[in-house]
């Protein structure tokens, strides 16, 4: 996908069987829980709901699922990149 002269990845979701990934390896993302120190200020379910209206239920467990923690960290990294590079609100919406 091209936006404003830049090329961006267009995410496509596919079943694990179609990709050919080892099912055990891919299940790590959805079953493994990770500890996030409070000092990081991350709350994946809340952060993802605020950022993208995901509708994730509050996670009552102390440690979030790996996949949600990963998505939260990547999302915050992208946000910081956009701030550092002066990305316009219009470009952010397009992306």
Protein backbone atom coordinates (compact mmCIF):
# COMPACT_ATOMS: atom_id res chain seq x y z
CA UNK A 1 0.00 0.00 0.00
CA UNK A 2 1.34 3.46 -0.82
CA UNK A 3 0.41 6.57 1.16
CA UNK A 4 2.02 9.92 0.54
CA UNK A 5 4.93 8.39 -1.35
CA UNK A 6 5.65 5.85 1.42
CA UNK A 7 5.05 2.13 1.25
CA UNK A 8 3.25 0.39 4.12
CA UNK A 9 2.39 -3.20 4.90
CA UNK A 10 -1.25 -4.19 4.38
CA UNK A 11 -2.08 -6.80 7.02
CA UNK A 12 -3.93 -9.89 5.83
CA UNK A 13 -5.17 -12.48 8.30
CA UNK A 14 -4.98 -16.13 7.30
CA UNK A 15 -5.63 -19.39 9.12
CA UNK A 16 -2.53 -21.08 10.56
CA UNK A 17 -3.16 -24.12 8.33
CA UNK A 18 -3.03 -21.94 5.21
CA UNK A 19 0.25 -20.33 6.28
CA UNK A 20 1.87 -23.63 7.19
CA UNK A 21 3.16 -22.47 10.58
CA UNK A 22 3.69 -25.11 13.26
CA UNK A 23 0.41 -25.01 15.26
CA UNK A 24 2.28 -25.44 18.56
CA UNK A 25 4.52 -22.52 17.78
CA UNK A 26 1.62 -20.27 16.84
CA UNK A 27 -0.35 -21.25 19.95
CA UNK A 28 2.36 -19.61 22.07
CA UNK A 29 0.96 -16.24 21.00
CA UNK A 30 -2.52 -17.03 22.26
CA UNK A 31 -1.82 -19.14 25.34
CA UNK A 32 1.42 -17.84 26.86
CA UNK A 33 1.14 -15.13 29.50
CA UNK A 34 3.88 -12.63 30.23
CA UNK A 35 4.70 -10.43 33.19
CA UNK A 36 4.68 -6.71 32.43
CA UNK A 37 6.33 -4.60 35.14
CA UNK A 38 4.10 -1.76 36.32
CA UNK A 39 6.90 0.67 35.46
CA UNK A 40 6.19 0.11 31.75
CA UNK A 41 2.71 1.60 32.15
CA UNK A 42 1.14 -0.99 29.84
CA UNK A 43 -2.33 -2.45 30.14
CA UNK A 44 -2.76 -4.28 26.82
CA UNK A 45 -6.54 -4.80 26.85
CA UNK A 46 -7.26 -1.20 27.86
CA UNK A 47 -4.59 0.27 25.58
CA UNK A 48 -5.74 -1.70 22.53
CA UNK A 49 -9.39 -0.87 23.21
CA UNK A 50 -8.55 2.85 23.39
CA UNK A 51 -6.32 2.80 20.31
CA UNK A 52 -8.48 0.71 18.03
CA UNK A 53 -11.85 0.07 19.62
CA UNK A 54 -11.03 -3.63 19.78
CA UNK A 55 -13.73 -4.50 22.34
CA UNK A 56 -11.38 -6.74 24.31
CA UNK A 57 -12.72 -7.84 27.68
CA UNK A 58 -10.77 -6.72 30.74
CA UNK A 59 -8.17 -9.34 31.58
CA UNK A 60 -8.73 -10.35 35.20
CA UNK A 61 -5.49 -12.33 35.28
CA UNK A 62 -2.36 -10.59 36.51
CA UNK A 63 -0.28 -11.28 33.41
CA UNK A 64 -1.67 -10.58 29.92
CA UNK A 65 -1.55 -12.89 26.94
CA UNK A 66 1.71 -12.61 24.99
CA UNK A 67 -0.07 -11.62 21.78
CA UNK A 68 -1.83 -8.68 23.46
CA UNK A 69 1.35 -7.50 25.18
CA UNK A 70 3.22 -7.72 21.87
CA UNK A 71 0.50 -5.77 20.04
CA UNK A 72 0.54 -3.08 22.74
CA UNK A 73 4.33 -2.66 22.65
CA UNK A 74 4.41 -2.55 18.84
CA UNK A 75 1.53 -0.05 18.77
CA UNK A 76 3.26 2.25 21.25
CA UNK A 77 6.51 1.98 19.28
CA UNK A 78 4.70 3.01 16.10
CA UNK A 79 3.06 5.92 17.95
CA UNK A 80 6.46 7.14 19.14
CA UNK A 81 7.89 6.84 15.61
CA UNK A 82 5.01 8.93 14.26
CA UNK A 83 5.56 11.60 16.91
CA UNK A 84 9.31 11.68 16.26
CA UNK A 85 8.72 12.01 12.50
CA UNK A 86 5.94 14.60 12.68
CA UNK A 87 3.39 12.35 10.98
CA UNK A 88 0.21 14.29 10.19
CA UNK A 89 -3.16 13.23 11.56
CA UNK A 90 -4.39 12.63 8.00
CA UNK A 91 -1.50 10.26 7.27
CA UNK A 92 -2.06 8.48 10.59
CA UNK A 93 -5.73 7.91 9.67
CA UNK A 94 -4.75 6.60 6.25
CA UNK A 95 -2.21 4.24 7.74
